[in-house]
Amino acid sequence: MKKTISLIATCFALLGTSYAQDQNARPFSLQESINYALQNRASLKATRNEEKIAKARVGEIRAMGLPQINGSLDVGDNFIQQQSFLPSEFFQDPDNPNSPPPGTFVPVTFTPAYTANAIVTGNQLLFDGSYLIGLKAAKTYTELSRKSTLQSEIEIAEQVAKAYYGVLVNRERMELLNQNLVRLDTLLSQTSVMFENGVAEKLDVDRLRVSLNNLKVEKQRAERLMELSEDLLKFQIGLEQNQPILLTGNLAEVEVDIAQLAPQNFNYGSRIEYSILETQRDLAELDLRNRRSGYLPKLYLNARYGYNAASNEFSEVTKTGNWLEYGYVGGQLQVPIFDGLRKHYQIQQAKLALENTKYGFETLRQSIDLQIEQSSTELTNALSVLDSQKENLELAAEIARVAKIKFQEGVGTNLEVITAETDLRQAQTNYYAAIYDALIAKVNLEKATGSLLTK
């Protein structure tokens, strides 16, 4: 079923007056509004920064597998030199009566007053199963971040579309209210002339004046609602509130085709939520592999190269000729033996997390099916209501026209005119509410089928 949402007022050539717009207003179509929001919404900019952070995280993890090189220079003053004890037998001298007695210990200073050390250290990871899996997980996490950004973009497109349609509906309603005011004011003037000529009663004039005043109040409320809907649209697209806007879209151009919006061969992958869940499943699988890799050994290559110097005189330390060179290169193999079954329980947790992720697919598919069915039903009902309200509006407009003619010709009452005008305004209100409901249902169905924002 294909419907084109057009104003019934068009059928009666009532849209001659356009809603006043600021000359400096910035023009926006619906697609331009969505594009502007995707570029300027602060929340989306923050989401894109999170995506960049995820990419930087990949580089951080990759750096762990590259050579790690550090340099250091230490120069110190051992102002209280550490001493060690040696047996007195090392100092026995038969010719020296002051030699320490046997069985005692003599404190000896081995530490120089000044020491210095310059060293460059380096290590290279040769094999670590967790590192290799971590690289894959980091790339997958980046993909998840990208999809999360797309999900935010879809949500923003939904918000902008609904706000944009709200402004369009309020704008058209304002146009019709202005025309109602002109028509009722004209009728009041004509009735006043009829009263002066003795054809109408003062009660007829008073009733029309009350109706006109009520319509003015209704217009004031509509103007405030119009401003509020424009402010909401500005917020949704990330535009400054003091910037006037001009919507170039038209309700008459909006088409709603249920057959296209709800295709028979629906692909769950077109829903970003399903795609995100697939990536989360991949991450859960990688996490399980990472836990299992904890049982594998790790191999490192280490190296050190440097100089050291020591002396009881600081000036001796500063001389390059007193520095001693040294170097070391070797490998380190770390083999896990027993960790109290910690990795065993971590693997159990990872398996259950992966299983829960797989269960999520069934739940999500059922949820998507329900959303599509609900959205399709809502749109079908909304279009049916729109047809009914359109017919009611046509009938109310015709009744108001005939009541006015009958009253002017003296064969009808003023009360009939007032009642017909009231019914017409109510029909107009119901018609625009039906238009808005149909547009919102259209957006909801587009989101449910994954066709709201395609790239």
Protein backbone atom coordinates (compact mmCIF):
# COMPACT_ATOMS: atom_id res chain seq x y z
CA MET A 1 0.00 0.00 0.00
CA LYS A 2 1.54 3.27 -1.13
CA LYS A 3 0.48 6.58 0.33
CA THR A 4 1.49 10.15 -0.45
CA ILE A 5 0.97 12.46 2.51
CA SER A 6 -0.54 15.65 1.09
CA LEU A 7 -2.48 18.40 2.77
CA ILE A 8 -6.21 18.36 2.24
CA ALA A 9 -5.99 22.08 2.22
CA THR A 10 -4.22 21.79 -1.11
CA CYS A 11 -7.35 20.28 -2.57
CA PHE A 12 -9.23 23.42 -1.61
CA ALA A 13 -6.45 25.78 -2.72
CA LEU A 14 -5.98 27.08 0.80
CA LEU A 15 -2.19 27.18 0.92
CA GLY A 16 -1.69 30.54 -0.67
CA THR A 17 -0.10 32.05 2.44
CA SER A 18 3.32 30.77 3.48
CA TYR A 19 4.71 30.81 6.97
CA ALA A 20 6.94 33.83 7.54
CA GLN A 21 10.63 33.09 7.61
CA ASP A 22 13.68 35.11 8.51
CA GLN A 23 15.62 36.33 5.48
CA ASN A 24 18.84 35.13 7.13
CA ALA A 25 17.40 31.68 7.79
CA ARG A 26 19.56 28.76 6.77
CA PRO A 27 17.76 26.34 4.41
CA PHE A 28 17.62 22.66 5.31
CA SER A 29 16.11 19.66 3.59
CA LEU A 30 15.62 16.49 5.61
CA GLN A 31 18.79 14.90 4.22
CA GLU A 32 20.75 18.12 4.74
CA SER A 33 19.55 18.22 8.34
CA ILE A 34 20.72 14.66 8.92
CA ASN A 35 24.08 15.31 7.25
CA TYR A 36 24.58 18.46 9.31
CA ALA A 37 23.77 16.59 12.50
CA LEU A 38 26.23 13.82 11.62
CA GLN A 39 28.95 16.43 11.30
CA ASN A 40 28.11 18.75 14.18
CA ARG A 41 26.40 16.89 17.02
CA ALA A 42 28.72 17.12 20.03
CA SER A 43 27.68 13.69 21.32
CA LEU A 44 28.59 12.11 17.99
CA LYS A 45 31.96 13.88 17.98
CA ALA A 46 32.65 12.32 21.37
CA THR A 47 31.65 8.91 20.00
CA ARG A 48 34.04 9.33 17.08
CA ASN A 49 36.79 10.23 19.55
CA GLU A 50 36.09 6.92 21.29
CA GLU A 51 36.60 5.24 17.93
CA LYS A 52 39.95 7.02 17.56
CA ILE A 53 40.88 5.94 21.08
CA ALA A 54 40.18 2.34 20.08
CA LYS A 55 42.47 2.70 17.08
CA ALA A 56 45.19 4.17 19.28
CA ARG A 57 44.75 1.20 21.60
CA VAL A 58 45.69 -1.09 18.70
CA GLY A 59 48.93 0.83 18.29
CA GLU A 60 49.58 0.60 22.02
CA ILE A 61 49.21 -3.17 22.01
CA ARG A 62 51.31 -3.52 18.86
CA ALA A 63 54.08 -1.49 20.55
CA MET A 64 54.38 -4.17 23.23
CA GLY A 65 55.83 -6.53 20.60
CA LEU A 66 58.48 -4.05 19.42
CA PRO A 67 61.93 -3.64 21.00
CA GLN A 68 61.83 -1.89 24.38
CA ILE A 69 64.99 0.19 24.91
CA ASN A 70 65.80 2.32 27.96
CA GLY A 71 68.84 4.27 29.09
CA SER A 72 69.85 5.48 32.54
CA LEU A 73 72.70 7.35 34.24
CA ASP A 74 73.26 7.12 37.99
CA VAL A 75 75.81 9.15 39.95
CA GLY A 76 75.76 8.92 43.74
CA ASP A 77 77.56 9.93 46.93
CA ASN A 78 77.67 7.17 49.54
CA PHE A 79 77.91 9.64 52.38
CA ILE A 80 77.61 6.76 54.85
CA GLN A 81 79.54 3.94 53.30
CA GLN A 82 78.16 0.47 53.90
CA GLN A 83 80.50 -1.92 55.72
CA SER A 84 80.79 -5.70 55.80
CA PHE A 85 82.29 -8.04 58.39
CA LEU A 86 85.27 -10.31 57.74
CA PRO A 87 86.76 -12.90 60.12
CA SER A 88 89.75 -11.62 62.11
CA GLU A 89 91.87 -14.46 60.68
CA PHE A 90 92.17 -12.39 57.49
CA PHE A 91 94.04 -9.76 59.47
CA GLN A 92 96.25 -11.91 61.70
CA ASP A 93 99.87 -10.74 61.86
CA PRO A 94 102.14 -12.56 64.33
CA ASP A 95 104.47 -9.61 64.38
CA ASN A 96 101.68 -7.14 65.25
CA PRO A 97 100.52 -7.27 68.85
CA ASN A 98 97.45 -5.16 67.92
CA SER A 99 96.05 -7.80 65.59
CA PRO A 100 92.40 -8.65 66.35
CA PRO A 101 92.00 -11.76 68.43
CA PRO A 102 90.93 -14.98 66.70
CA GLY A 103 87.19 -15.72 66.54
CA THR A 104 86.16 -12.08 66.08
CA PHE A 105 84.99 -10.09 63.04
CA VAL A 106 86.41 -6.91 61.64
CA PRO A 107 84.20 -4.29 59.86
CA VAL A 108 85.55 -3.50 56.42
CA THR A 109 84.36 -0.85 53.92
CA PHE A 110 84.02 -2.17 50.39
CA THR A 111 81.76 0.59 48.99
CA PRO A 112 83.56 3.56 47.40
CA ALA A 113 82.54 7.05 48.42
CA TYR A 114 81.36 7.86 44.89
CA THR A 115 79.82 5.53 42.29
CA ALA A 116 78.48 6.05 38.79
CA ASN A 117 76.70 3.80 36.32
CA ALA A 118 75.57 4.40 32.69
CA ILE A 119 73.53 1.64 31.08
CA VAL A 120 71.35 0.92 28.08
CA THR A 121 68.92 -1.98 28.42
CA GLY A 122 66.76 -3.60 25.79
CA ASN A 123 64.35 -6.51 25.53
CA GLN A 124 62.42 -8.02 22.68
CA LEU A 125 59.37 -10.24 22.92
CA LEU A 126 59.99 -13.33 20.78
CA PHE A 127 56.87 -15.34 21.54
CA ASP A 128 53.74 -14.74 23.62
CA GLY A 129 50.46 -16.34 22.62
CA SER A 130 48.46 -13.74 24.54
CA TYR A 131 50.16 -10.94 22.62
CA LEU A 132 49.27 -12.39 19.22
CA ILE A 133 45.65 -12.90 20.21
CA GLY A 134 45.60 -9.47 21.83
CA LEU A 135 46.48 -7.89 18.48
CA LYS A 136 43.51 -9.59 16.83
CA ALA A 137 41.24 -8.63 19.71
CA ALA A 138 42.35 -5.01 19.50
CA LYS A 139 41.49 -4.85 15.80
CA THR A 140 38.12 -6.47 16.50
CA TYR A 141 37.49 -3.98 19.28
CA THR A 142 38.21 -1.19 16.80
CA GLU A 143 35.56 -2.67 14.53
CA LEU A 144 33.14 -2.75 17.46
CA SER A 145 33.86 0.90 18.17
CA ARG A 146 33.21 1.78 14.53
CA LYS A 147 29.88 -0.02 14.61
CA SER A 148 28.97 1.75 17.85
CA THR A 149 29.59 5.04 16.06
CA LEU A 150 27.29 3.93 13.24
CA GLN A 151 24.64 3.01 15.81
CA SER A 152 24.86 6.52 17.27
CA GLU A 153 24.54 7.98 13.77
CA ILE A 154 21.38 5.96 13.16
CA GLU A 155 19.89 7.13 16.45
CA ILE A 156 20.69 10.74 15.56
CA ALA A 157 19.16 10.33 12.10
CA GLU A 158 16.00 9.02 13.76
CA GLN A 159 15.86 11.96 16.17
CA VAL A 160 16.47 14.49 13.40
CA ALA A 161 13.85 12.97 11.10
CA LYS A 162 11.17 13.01 13.79
CA ALA A 163 12.02 16.59 14.78
CA TYR A 164 12.06 17.68 11.13
CA TYR A 165 8.64 16.16 10.44
CA GLY A 166 7.35 17.82 13.61
CA VAL A 167 8.36 21.24 12.29
CA LEU A 168 6.82 20.52 8.88
CA VAL A 169 3.50 19.55 10.43
CA ASN A 170 3.45 22.57 12.73
CA ARG A 171 4.37 24.84 9.84
CA GLU A 172 1.49 23.62 7.68
CA ARG A 173 -0.87 23.85 10.64
CA MET A 174 0.21 27.47 11.17
CA GLU A 175 -0.58 28.25 7.54
CA LEU A 176 -4.06 26.84 7.87
CA LEU A 177 -4.64 28.66 11.17
CA ASN A 178 -3.77 31.93 9.49
CA GLN A 179 -6.26 31.22 6.75
CA ASN A 180 -8.90 30.27 9.32
CA LEU A 181 -8.33 33.61 11.01
CA VAL A 182 -8.74 35.49 7.73
CA ARG A 183 -11.90 33.57 6.89
CA LEU A 184 -13.45 34.00 10.34
CA ASP A 185 -12.50 37.67 10.51
CA THR A 186 -14.14 38.21 7.12
CA LEU A 187 -17.25 36.40 8.32
CA LEU A 188 -17.32 38.55 11.46
CA SER A 189 -17.09 41.73 9.37
CA GLN A 190 -19.89 40.55 7.09
CA THR A 191 -22.07 39.59 10.05
CA SER A 192 -21.43 42.99 11.66
CA VAL A 193 -22.68 44.66 8.48
CA MET A 194 -25.70 42.37 8.49
CA PHE A 195 -26.38 43.33 12.12
CA GLU A 196 -26.17 47.02 11.28
CA ASN A 197 -28.69 46.43 8.49
CA GLY A 198 -30.97 44.55 10.86
CA VAL A 199 -30.51 41.19 9.11
CA ALA A 200 -28.48 39.55 11.90
CA GLU A 201 -28.65 39.73 15.68
CA LYS A 202 -26.01 41.07 18.05
CA LEU A 203 -25.78 37.56 19.52
CA ASP A 204 -24.57 36.35 16.13
CA VAL A 205 -21.80 38.95 16.14
CA ASP A 206 -20.81 38.14 19.72
CA ARG A 207 -20.63 34.42 19.01
CA LEU A 208 -18.35 35.00 16.03
CA ARG A 209 -16.17 37.36 18.06
CA VAL A 210 -15.80 34.74 20.79
CA SER A 211 -14.89 32.16 18.17
CA LEU A 212 -12.35 34.53 16.61
CA ASN A 213 -10.77 35.26 20.00
CA ASN A 214 -10.49 31.55 20.72
CA LEU A 215 -8.85 31.04 17.35
CA LYS A 216 -6.33 33.80 18.10
CA VAL A 217 -5.43 32.08 21.35
CA GLU A 218 -5.07 28.80 19.51
CA LYS A 219 -2.76 30.50 17.01
CA GLN A 220 -0.61 31.88 19.82
CA ARG A 221 -0.25 28.40 21.28
CA ALA A 222 0.59 27.05 17.84
CA GLU A 223 3.26 29.73 17.36
CA ARG A 224 4.90 28.82 20.65
CA LEU A 225 4.72 25.15 19.70
CA MET A 226 6.26 26.01 16.35
CA GLU A 227 9.17 27.81 18.05
CA LEU A 228 9.64 24.89 20.41
CA SER A 229 9.67 22.35 17.57
CA GLU A 230 12.24 24.44 15.69
CA ASP A 231 14.39 24.69 18.82
CA LEU A 232 14.20 20.91 19.18
CA LEU A 233 15.28 20.46 15.56
CA LYS A 234 18.20 22.86 16.05
CA PHE A 235 19.28 20.89 19.09
CA GLN A 236 19.03 17.58 17.25
CA ILE A 237 21.18 18.77 14.34
CA GLY A 238 23.67 20.63 16.56
CA LEU A 239 22.77 24.13 15.38
CA GLU A 240 22.96 27.24 17.55
CA GLN A 241 19.57 28.18 18.98
CA ASN A 242 19.86 31.79 17.76
CA GLN A 243 20.37 30.65 14.15
CA PRO A 244 17.09 30.87 12.17
CA ILE A 245 16.33 27.94 9.87
CA LEU A 246 14.17 27.43 6.81
CA LEU A 247 12.86 23.97 6.01
CA THR A 248 12.82 23.33 2.29
CA GLY A 249 10.93 20.04 2.65
CA ASN A 250 7.22 19.67 2.00
CA LEU A 251 4.74 17.20 3.43
CA ALA A 252 3.25 16.68 -0.03
CA GLU A 253 6.60 15.21 -1.15
CA VAL A 254 6.74 12.55 1.56
CA GLU A 255 5.86 9.06 0.33
CA VAL A 256 5.18 6.09 2.53
CA ASP A 257 5.38 2.71 0.80
CA ILE A 258 4.92 -0.14 3.25
CA ALA A 259 5.97 -2.72 0.65
CA GLN A 260 9.36 -1.05 0.31
CA LEU A 261 9.82 -0.29 4.00
CA ALA A 262 9.04 -3.86 5.10
CA PRO A 263 10.71 -6.17 2.54
CA GLN A 264 9.78 -9.85 2.53
CA ASN A 265 13.37 -11.17 2.53
CA PHE A 266 14.67 -9.32 5.55
CA ASN A 267 18.36 -9.66 6.42
CA TYR A 268 19.10 -9.39 10.13
CA GLY A 269 22.59 -8.20 9.28
CA SER A 270 21.12 -4.92 8.06
CA ARG A 271 20.39 -4.05 11.68
CA ILE A 272 23.41 -2.47 13.36
CA GLU A 273 22.51 -4.15 16.67
CA TYR A 274 22.88 -7.57 15.04
CA SER A 275 26.22 -6.60 13.51
CA ILE A 276 27.44 -5.33 16.88
CA LEU A 277 26.45 -8.61 18.52
CA GLU A 278 28.44 -10.51 15.87
CA THR A 279 31.52 -8.46 16.75
CA GLN A 280 30.93 -9.03 20.47
CA ARG A 281 30.78 -12.77 19.76
CA ASP A 282 34.14 -12.54 17.95
CA LEU A 283 35.62 -10.72 20.95
CA ALA A 284 34.30 -13.40 23.29
CA GLU A 285 35.92 -16.11 21.15
CA LEU A 286 39.22 -14.25 21.16
CA ASP A 287 39.00 -13.82 24.92
CA LEU A 288 38.59 -17.58 25.31
CA ARG A 289 41.62 -18.19 23.08
CA ASN A 290 43.58 -15.66 25.11
CA ARG A 291 42.78 -17.43 28.37
CA ARG A 292 43.89 -20.74 26.90
CA SER A 293 47.13 -19.24 25.61
CA GLY A 294 48.08 -18.55 29.23
CA TYR A 295 49.36 -22.14 29.39
CA LEU A 296 51.93 -21.45 26.65
CA PRO A 297 55.52 -20.38 27.51
CA LYS A 298 56.84 -16.89 26.86
CA LEU A 299 60.21 -16.16 25.31
CA TYR A 300 62.15 -12.89 25.62
CA LEU A 301 65.50 -11.60 24.36
CA ASN A 302 67.33 -9.34 26.86
CA ALA A 303 70.46 -7.23 26.53
CA ARG A 304 72.40 -4.76 28.66
CA TYR A 305 75.37 -2.56 27.85
CA GLY A 306 76.99 0.06 30.03
CA TYR A 307 79.85 1.56 31.99
CA ASN A 308 80.46 1.99 35.71
CA ALA A 309 82.99 3.84 37.81
CA ALA A 310 83.83 4.13 41.52
CA SER A 311 86.29 6.11 43.63
CA ASN A 312 86.70 7.79 46.97
CA GLU A 313 87.35 11.02 45.09
CA PHE A 314 84.58 12.58 43.03
CA SER A 315 87.04 14.00 40.51
CA GLU A 316 88.16 10.47 39.69
CA VAL A 317 84.60 9.45 38.83
CA THR A 318 84.31 12.22 36.26
CA LYS A 319 87.32 10.99 34.30
CA THR A 320 86.34 8.81 31.37
CA GLY A 321 89.45 6.70 31.73
CA ASN A 322 88.17 5.33 35.05
CA TRP A 323 84.90 3.95 33.58
CA LEU A 324 84.70 0.19 33.09
CA GLU A 325 82.74 -1.28 30.19
CA TYR A 326 80.41 -4.27 30.49
CA GLY A 327 77.70 -5.97 28.42
CA TYR A 328 75.21 -8.84 28.49
CA VAL A 329 72.86 -10.54 26.03
CA GLY A 330 70.65 -13.52 26.73
CA GLY A 331 67.23 -15.08 26.51
CA GLN A 332 64.52 -15.66 29.07
CA LEU A 333 61.96 -18.46 28.89
CA GLN A 334 58.97 -18.29 31.22
CA VAL A 335 57.07 -21.57 31.58
CA PRO A 336 53.81 -21.60 33.60
CA ILE A 337 53.73 -24.59 35.93
CA PHE A 338 50.92 -24.14 38.47
CA ASP A 339 48.81 -21.10 39.28
CA GLY A 340 46.32 -22.58 41.68
CA LEU A 341 43.85 -23.29 38.80
CA ARG A 342 43.37 -19.56 38.19
CA LYS A 343 43.54 -19.91 34.40
CA HIS A 344 41.23 -22.92 34.55
CA TYR A 345 38.47 -20.85 36.14
CA GLN A 346 39.15 -17.94 33.80
CA ILE A 347 38.60 -20.28 30.84
CA GLN A 348 35.32 -21.46 32.36
CA GLN A 349 34.14 -17.86 32.66
CA ALA A 350 35.15 -17.10 29.07
CA LYS A 351 33.27 -20.16 27.78
CA LEU A 352 30.09 -19.12 29.57
CA ALA A 353 30.41 -15.53 28.33
CA LEU A 354 30.73 -16.82 24.76
CA GLU A 355 27.71 -19.07 25.24
CA ASN A 356 25.65 -16.13 26.52
CA THR A 357 26.65 -14.11 23.48
CA LYS A 358 25.36 -16.84 21.20
CA TYR A 359 22.09 -16.96 23.13
CA GLY A 360 21.81 -13.24 22.48
CA PHE A 361 21.36 -13.84 18.75
CA GLU A 362 18.13 -15.73 19.29
CA THR A 363 16.77 -13.04 21.59
CA LEU A 364 17.78 -10.26 19.22
CA ARG A 365 16.22 -11.95 16.18
CA GLN A 366 12.95 -12.34 18.05
CA SER A 367 13.13 -8.71 19.16
CA ILE A 368 13.78 -7.48 15.61
CA ASP A 369 10.88 -9.56 14.27
CA LEU A 370 8.60 -8.05 16.89
CA GLN A 371 9.79 -4.52 16.15
CA ILE A 372 9.16 -4.92 12.43
CA GLU A 373 5.72 -6.39 13.04
CA GLN A 374 4.80 -3.64 15.50
CA SER A 375 6.12 -0.87 13.27
CA SER A 376 4.33 -2.26 10.22
CA THR A 377 1.07 -2.50 12.16
CA GLU A 378 1.50 1.02 13.55
CA LEU A 379 2.12 2.43 10.10
CA THR A 380 -0.81 0.55 8.58
CA ASN A 381 -3.09 1.81 11.33
CA ALA A 382 -1.71 5.34 11.05
CA LEU A 383 -2.38 5.44 7.32
CA SER A 384 -5.91 4.14 7.88
CA VAL A 385 -6.53 6.84 10.46
CA LEU A 386 -5.03 9.40 8.09
CA ASP A 387 -7.46 8.38 5.34
CA SER A 388 -10.35 8.69 7.76
CA GLN A 389 -9.22 12.06 9.11
CA LYS A 390 -8.66 13.33 5.58
CA GLU A 391 -12.23 12.43 4.67
CA ASN A 392 -13.49 14.02 7.89
CA LEU A 393 -11.59 17.20 7.06
CA GLU A 394 -13.09 17.33 3.59
CA LEU A 395 -16.58 16.87 5.03
CA ALA A 396 -15.99 19.44 7.78
CA ALA A 397 -14.71 21.97 5.25
CA GLU A 398 -17.76 21.40 3.05
CA ILE A 399 -20.14 21.69 6.01
CA ALA A 400 -18.49 24.94 7.09
CA ARG A 401 -18.76 26.32 3.57
CA VAL A 402 -22.46 25.42 3.24
CA ALA A 403 -23.29 26.71 6.74
CA LYS A 404 -21.70 30.04 5.91
CA ILE A 405 -23.67 30.34 2.64
CA LYS A 406 -26.95 29.39 4.35
CA PHE A 407 -26.37 31.95 7.09
CA GLN A 408 -25.55 34.72 4.62
CA GLU A 409 -28.68 33.89 2.63
CA GLY A 410 -30.82 33.91 5.75
CA VAL A 411 -31.81 30.25 5.70
CA GLY A 412 -29.33 29.15 8.37
CA THR A 413 -28.37 30.17 11.87
CA ASN A 414 -25.21 31.68 13.21
CA LEU A 415 -24.98 28.83 15.68
CA GLU A 416 -24.66 26.40 12.79
CA VAL A 417 -21.75 28.44 11.43
CA ILE A 418 -19.98 28.51 14.81
CA THR A 419 -20.50 24.77 15.29
CA ALA A 420 -19.25 24.04 11.78
CA GLU A 421 -16.15 26.22 12.29
CA THR A 422 -15.42 24.49 15.59
CA ASP A 423 -15.82 21.08 13.98
CA LEU A 424 -13.56 22.16 11.11
CA ARG A 425 -10.77 23.24 13.43
CA GLN A 426 -11.06 19.99 15.36
CA ALA A 427 -10.92 18.05 12.09
CA GLN A 428 -7.83 20.02 11.08
CA THR A 429 -6.18 19.25 14.42
CA ASN A 430 -6.99 15.56 14.10
CA TYR A 431 -5.74 15.50 10.52
CA TYR A 432 -2.36 17.00 11.37
CA ALA A 433 -2.02 14.67 14.36
CA ALA A 434 -2.69 11.75 11.98
CA ILE A 435 -0.04 13.06 9.56
CA TYR A 436 2.51 13.30 12.35
CA ASP A 437 1.68 9.81 13.65
CA ALA A 438 2.08 8.38 10.13
CA LEU A 439 5.45 10.08 9.69
CA ILE A 440 6.71 8.86 13.07
CA ALA A 441 5.51 5.33 12.25
CA LYS A 442 7.36 5.57 8.93
CA VAL A 443 10.61 6.50 10.69
CA ASN A 444 10.16 3.71 13.23
CA LEU A 445 9.65 1.14 10.47
CA GLU A 446 12.71 2.39 8.58
CA LYS A 447 14.76 2.00 11.73
CA ALA A 448 13.31 -1.45 12.43
CA THR A 449 14.25 -2.67 8.94
CA GLY A 450 17.72 -1.09 9.07
CA SER A 451 17.04 1.28 6.16
CA LEU A 452 16.91 4.57 8.06
CA LEU A 453 20.55 5.44 7.46
CA THR A 454 22.54 3.47 4.88
CA LYS A 455 26.17 4.09 3.94
